[in-house]
Amino acid sequence: MYVVDTYNPRAVVNYHAMGNVIFHKYKGDKATMKGVEKLTSGIKKITGYSYLGTSPGPGFANYLVRKRRIPSTTVEIGKYTTPVPIGQFKTVWKQNKNVMAAVAKLYE
Protein backbone atom coordinates (compact mmCIF):
# COMPACT_ATOMS: atom_id res chain seq x y z
CA MET A 1 0.00 0.00 0.00
CA TYR A 2 2.94 2.33 0.65
CA VAL A 3 3.97 2.12 -3.02
CA VAL A 4 0.40 2.72 -4.24
CA ASP A 5 -0.09 5.65 -1.86
CA THR A 6 3.30 7.15 -2.69
CA TYR A 7 3.32 6.76 -6.47
CA ASN A 8 -0.39 6.64 -7.38
CA PRO A 9 0.05 4.17 -10.27
CA ARG A 10 -2.21 4.28 -13.29
CA ALA A 11 -2.25 0.44 -13.44
CA VAL A 12 -0.87 -2.48 -11.43
CA VAL A 13 0.24 -5.94 -12.56
CA ASN A 14 0.47 -8.57 -9.82
CA TYR A 15 2.64 -11.59 -10.55
CA HIS A 16 1.95 -14.93 -8.86
CA ALA A 17 3.16 -18.42 -9.64
CA MET A 18 1.07 -21.23 -11.03
CA GLY A 19 -1.22 -21.60 -13.98
CA ASN A 20 -0.23 -19.51 -17.04
CA VAL A 21 -3.46 -17.50 -16.71
CA ILE A 22 -4.61 -13.91 -16.31
CA PHE A 23 -7.33 -13.03 -13.83
CA HIS A 24 -9.47 -10.30 -15.35
CA LYS A 25 -13.05 -10.30 -14.07
CA TYR A 26 -13.30 -7.93 -11.16
CA LYS A 27 -16.20 -5.85 -9.90
CA GLY A 28 -15.49 -2.20 -10.54
CA ASP A 29 -17.00 0.87 -12.10
CA LYS A 30 -17.27 1.06 -15.89
CA ALA A 31 -14.21 3.28 -16.43
CA THR A 32 -11.96 1.12 -14.25
CA MET A 33 -13.16 -2.06 -15.91
CA LYS A 34 -12.39 -0.56 -19.31
CA GLY A 35 -8.85 -0.02 -18.00
CA VAL A 36 -8.70 -3.62 -16.76
CA GLU A 37 -9.74 -4.81 -20.22
CA LYS A 38 -7.05 -2.67 -21.86
CA LEU A 39 -4.45 -3.93 -19.41
CA THR A 40 -5.32 -7.62 -19.60
CA SER A 41 -5.76 -7.76 -23.37
CA GLY A 42 -2.29 -6.28 -23.81
CA ILE A 43 -0.78 -8.82 -21.44
CA LYS A 44 -2.67 -11.67 -23.13
CA LYS A 45 -1.29 -10.68 -26.54
CA ILE A 46 2.26 -10.68 -25.23
CA THR A 47 2.20 -13.80 -23.04
CA GLY A 48 -0.34 -15.98 -24.81
CA TYR A 49 -1.87 -16.81 -21.40
CA SER A 50 -5.60 -17.45 -21.24
CA TYR A 51 -8.15 -15.61 -19.13
CA LEU A 52 -9.50 -17.19 -15.95
CA GLY A 53 -12.22 -15.06 -14.35
CA THR A 54 -11.39 -13.64 -10.92
CA SER A 55 -8.86 -14.85 -8.44
CA PRO A 56 -10.41 -16.75 -5.53
CA GLY A 57 -10.95 -14.75 -2.38
CA PRO A 58 -9.86 -11.22 -1.62
CA GLY A 59 -6.68 -9.99 -3.20
CA PHE A 60 -4.68 -6.91 -4.01
CA ALA A 61 -5.97 -6.64 -7.60
CA ASN A 62 -9.57 -6.93 -6.36
CA TYR A 63 -8.95 -4.19 -3.81
CA LEU A 64 -7.31 -1.85 -6.31
CA VAL A 65 -10.11 -2.24 -8.85
CA ARG A 66 -13.00 -2.00 -6.38
CA LYS A 67 -11.80 0.50 -3.83
CA ARG A 68 -9.05 2.52 -5.46
CA ARG A 69 -10.34 2.45 -9.06
CA ILE A 70 -6.93 1.47 -10.41
CA PRO A 71 -6.87 -1.01 -13.30
CA SER A 72 -5.15 -4.12 -12.00
CA THR A 73 -4.74 -7.77 -12.82
CA THR A 74 -3.05 -10.88 -11.52
CA VAL A 75 -0.83 -12.86 -13.89
CA GLU A 76 -0.08 -16.44 -12.88
CA ILE A 77 3.18 -17.73 -14.36
CA GLY A 78 4.46 -21.29 -14.57
CA LYS A 79 2.59 -24.45 -15.34
CA TYR A 80 1.82 -26.57 -12.31
CA THR A 81 3.74 -26.02 -9.10
CA THR A 82 4.90 -23.32 -6.74
CA PRO A 83 7.66 -22.36 -6.67
CA VAL A 84 8.03 -22.46 -10.44
CA PRO A 85 10.76 -24.98 -11.32
CA ILE A 86 13.96 -23.46 -12.68
CA GLY A 87 13.44 -25.53 -15.85
CA GLN A 88 10.48 -23.29 -16.73
CA PHE A 89 12.44 -20.06 -16.33
CA LYS A 90 13.39 -19.59 -20.00
CA THR A 91 9.80 -20.03 -21.14
CA VAL A 92 8.37 -17.78 -18.42
CA TRP A 93 10.99 -15.11 -19.15
CA LYS A 94 10.34 -15.26 -22.90
CA GLN A 95 6.58 -14.88 -22.34
CA ASN A 96 6.84 -12.06 -19.78
CA LYS A 97 10.01 -10.05 -20.42
CA ASN A 98 8.16 -7.35 -22.41
CA VAL A 99 5.04 -7.07 -20.25
CA MET A 100 6.09 -4.21 -17.99
CA ALA A 101 7.46 -2.10 -20.84
CA ALA A 102 4.23 -2.66 -22.80
CA VAL A 103 2.07 -1.75 -19.78
CA ALA A 104 4.14 1.40 -19.19
CA LYS A 105 3.61 2.36 -22.84
CA LEU A 106 -0.16 1.79 -22.53
CA TYR A 107 -0.31 4.21 -19.63
CA GLU A 108 2.28 6.87 -20.56
C-alpha atoms as a PDB file:
ATOM      1  CA  MET A   1       0.000   0.000   0.000  1.00  0.00           C
ATOM      2  CA  TYR A   2       2.937   2.330   0.652  1.00  0.00           C
ATOM      3  CA  VAL A   3       3.966   2.119  -3.018  1.00  0.00           C
ATOM      4  CA  VAL A   4       0.402   2.724  -4.240  1.00  0.00           C
ATOM      5  CA  ASP A   5      -0.094   5.646  -1.859  1.00  0.00           C
ATOM      6  CA  THR A   6       3.296   7.149  -2.688  1.00  0.00           C
ATOM      7  CA  TYR A   7       3.318   6.765  -6.474  1.00  0.00           C
ATOM      8  CA  ASN A   8      -0.389   6.639  -7.384  1.00  0.00           C
ATOM      9  CA  PRO A   9       0.055   4.165 -10.270  1.00  0.00           C
ATOM     10  CA  ARG A  10      -2.205   4.276 -13.290  1.00  0.00           C
ATOM     11  CA  ALA A  11      -2.246   0.437 -13.443  1.00  0.00           C
ATOM     12  CA  VAL A  12      -0.865  -2.478 -11.434  1.00  0.00           C
ATOM     13  CA  VAL A  13       0.243  -5.937 -12.560  1.00  0.00           C
ATOM     14  CA  ASN A  14       0.474  -8.566  -9.823  1.00  0.00           C
ATOM     15  CA  TYR A  15       2.640 -11.592 -10.554  1.00  0.00           C
ATOM     16  CA  HIS A  16       1.951 -14.926  -8.856  1.00  0.00           C
ATOM     17  CA  ALA A  17       3.159 -18.415  -9.640  1.00  0.00           C
ATOM     18  CA  MET A  18       1.065 -21.229 -11.032  1.00  0.00           C
ATOM     19  CA  GLY A  19      -1.223 -21.604 -13.980  1.00  0.00           C
ATOM     20  CA  ASN A  20      -0.228 -19.510 -17.040  1.00  0.00           C
ATOM     21  CA  VAL A  21      -3.457 -17.501 -16.707  1.00  0.00           C
ATOM     22  CA  ILE A  22      -4.613 -13.913 -16.308  1.00  0.00           C
ATOM     23  CA  PHE A  23      -7.332 -13.032 -13.829  1.00  0.00           C
ATOM     24  CA  HIS A  24      -9.469 -10.301 -15.353  1.00  0.00           C
ATOM     25  CA  LYS A  25     -13.052 -10.300 -14.070  1.00  0.00           C
ATOM     26  CA  TYR A  26     -13.297  -7.935 -11.156  1.00  0.00           C
ATOM     27  CA  LYS A  27     -16.200  -5.845  -9.900  1.00  0.00           C
ATOM     28  CA  GLY A  28     -15.490  -2.201 -10.538  1.00  0.00           C
ATOM     29  CA  ASP A  29     -16.996   0.867 -12.104  1.00  0.00           C
ATOM     30  CA  LYS A  30     -17.267   1.057 -15.888  1.00  0.00           C
ATOM     31  CA  ALA A  31     -14.212   3.275 -16.435  1.00  0.00           C
ATOM     32  CA  THR A  32     -11.961   1.118 -14.247  1.00  0.00           C
ATOM     33  CA  MET A  33     -13.159  -2.064 -15.908  1.00  0.00           C
ATOM     34  CA  LYS A  34     -12.388  -0.560 -19.310  1.00  0.00           C
ATOM     35  CA  GLY A  35      -8.854  -0.016 -17.999  1.00  0.00           C
ATOM     36  CA  VAL A  36      -8.702  -3.620 -16.760  1.00  0.00           C
ATOM     37  CA  GLU A  37      -9.739  -4.811 -20.216  1.00  0.00           C
ATOM     38  CA  LYS A  38      -7.047  -2.667 -21.859  1.00  0.00           C
ATOM     39  CA  LEU A  39      -4.445  -3.935 -19.406  1.00  0.00           C
ATOM     40  CA  THR A  40      -5.315  -7.624 -19.604  1.00  0.00           C
ATOM     41  CA  SER A  41      -5.763  -7.764 -23.366  1.00  0.00           C
ATOM     42  CA  GLY A  42      -2.291  -6.278 -23.814  1.00  0.00           C
ATOM     43  CA  ILE A  43      -0.778  -8.817 -21.443  1.00  0.00           C
ATOM     44  CA  LYS A  44      -2.675 -11.674 -23.126  1.00  0.00           C
ATOM     45  CA  LYS A  45      -1.289 -10.682 -26.536  1.00  0.00           C
ATOM     46  CA  ILE A  46       2.264 -10.681 -25.231  1.00  0.00           C
ATOM     47  CA  THR A  47       2.197 -13.802 -23.044  1.00  0.00           C
ATOM     48  CA  GLY A  48      -0.344 -15.982 -24.806  1.00  0.00           C
ATOM     49  CA  TYR A  49      -1.867 -16.808 -21.403  1.00  0.00           C
ATOM     50  CA  SER A  50      -5.600 -17.453 -21.238  1.00  0.00           C
ATOM     51  CA  TYR A  51      -8.147 -15.606 -19.127  1.00  0.00           C
ATOM     52  CA  LEU A  52      -9.504 -17.187 -15.953  1.00  0.00           C
ATOM     53  CA  GLY A  53     -12.217 -15.061 -14.352  1.00  0.00           C
ATOM     54  CA  THR A  54     -11.395 -13.644 -10.922  1.00  0.00           C
ATOM     55  CA  SER A  55      -8.859 -14.853  -8.438  1.00  0.00           C
ATOM     56  CA  PRO A  56     -10.412 -16.751  -5.534  1.00  0.00           C
ATOM     57  CA  GLY A  57     -10.953 -14.746  -2.381  1.00  0.00           C
ATOM     58  CA  PRO A  58      -9.857 -11.218  -1.620  1.00  0.00           C
ATOM     59  CA  GLY A  59      -6.677  -9.986  -3.198  1.00  0.00           C
ATOM     60  CA  PHE A  60      -4.681  -6.912  -4.014  1.00  0.00           C
ATOM     61  CA  ALA A  61      -5.975  -6.638  -7.597  1.00  0.00           C
ATOM     62  CA  ASN A  62      -9.572  -6.928  -6.364  1.00  0.00           C
ATOM     63  CA  TYR A  63      -8.951  -4.188  -3.814  1.00  0.00           C
ATOM     64  CA  LEU A  64      -7.312  -1.846  -6.313  1.00  0.00           C
ATOM     65  CA  VAL A  65     -10.109  -2.240  -8.852  1.00  0.00           C
ATOM     66  CA  ARG A  66     -13.004  -2.004  -6.378  1.00  0.00           C
ATOM     67  CA  LYS A  67     -11.804   0.501  -3.829  1.00  0.00           C
ATOM     68  CA  ARG A  68      -9.052   2.520  -5.461  1.00  0.00           C
ATOM     69  CA  ARG A  69     -10.341   2.446  -9.063  1.00  0.00           C
ATOM     70  CA  ILE A  70      -6.930   1.473 -10.407  1.00  0.00           C
ATOM     71  CA  PRO A  71      -6.874  -1.009 -13.300  1.00  0.00           C
ATOM     72  CA  SER A  72      -5.145  -4.116 -11.996  1.00  0.00           C
ATOM     73  CA  THR A  73      -4.739  -7.771 -12.817  1.00  0.00           C
ATOM     74  CA  THR A  74      -3.047 -10.882 -11.525  1.00  0.00           C
ATOM     75  CA  VAL A  75      -0.831 -12.858 -13.885  1.00  0.00           C
ATOM     76  CA  GLU A  76      -0.080 -16.440 -12.881  1.00  0.00           C
ATOM     77  CA  ILE A  77       3.180 -17.730 -14.358  1.00  0.00           C
ATOM     78  CA  GLY A  78       4.465 -21.288 -14.567  1.00  0.00           C
ATOM     79  CA  LYS A  79       2.589 -24.454 -15.336  1.00  0.00           C
ATOM     80  CA  TYR A  80       1.825 -26.568 -12.311  1.00  0.00           C
ATOM     81  CA  THR A  81       3.745 -26.019  -9.095  1.00  0.00           C
ATOM     82  CA  THR A  82       4.904 -23.316  -6.738  1.00  0.00           C
ATOM     83  CA  PRO A  83       7.664 -22.361  -6.674  1.00  0.00           C
ATOM     84  CA  VAL A  84       8.031 -22.458 -10.445  1.00  0.00           C
ATOM     85  CA  PRO A  85      10.759 -24.982 -11.319  1.00  0.00           C
ATOM     86  CA  ILE A  86      13.959 -23.458 -12.683  1.00  0.00           C
ATOM     87  CA  GLY A  87      13.443 -25.529 -15.845  1.00  0.00           C
ATOM     88  CA  GLN A  88      10.485 -23.290 -16.729  1.00  0.00           C
ATOM     89  CA  PHE A  89      12.439 -20.057 -16.332  1.00  0.00           C
ATOM     90  CA  LYS A  90      13.392 -19.595 -20.000  1.00  0.00           C
ATOM     91  CA  THR A  91       9.796 -20.033 -21.136  1.00  0.00           C
ATOM     92  CA  VAL A  92       8.368 -17.778 -18.416  1.00  0.00           C
ATOM     93  CA  TRP A  93      10.985 -15.113 -19.147  1.00  0.00           C
ATOM     94  CA  LYS A  94      10.337 -15.260 -22.905  1.00  0.00           C
ATOM     95  CA  GLN A  95       6.583 -14.875 -22.335  1.00  0.00           C
ATOM     96  CA  ASN A  96       6.835 -12.057 -19.782  1.00  0.00           C
ATOM     97  CA  LYS A  97      10.005 -10.048 -20.420  1.00  0.00           C
ATOM     98  CA  ASN A  98       8.161  -7.353 -22.408  1.00  0.00           C
ATOM     99  CA  VAL A  99       5.040  -7.075 -20.254  1.00  0.00           C
ATOM    100  CA  MET A 100       6.093  -4.213 -17.993  1.00  0.00           C
ATOM    101  CA  ALA A 101       7.459  -2.102 -20.842  1.00  0.00           C
ATOM    102  CA  ALA A 102       4.229  -2.656 -22.802  1.00  0.00           C
ATOM    103  CA  VAL A 103       2.074  -1.751 -19.783  1.00  0.00           C
ATOM    104  CA  ALA A 104       4.139   1.399 -19.188  1.00  0.00           C
ATOM    105  CA  LYS A 105       3.614   2.356 -22.836  1.00  0.00           C
ATOM    106  CA  LEU A 106      -0.159   1.786 -22.532  1.00  0.00           C
ATOM    107  CA  TYR A 107      -0.310   4.213 -19.627  1.00  0.00           C
ATOM    108  CA  GLU A 108       2.277   6.872 -20.561  1.00  0.00           C
END
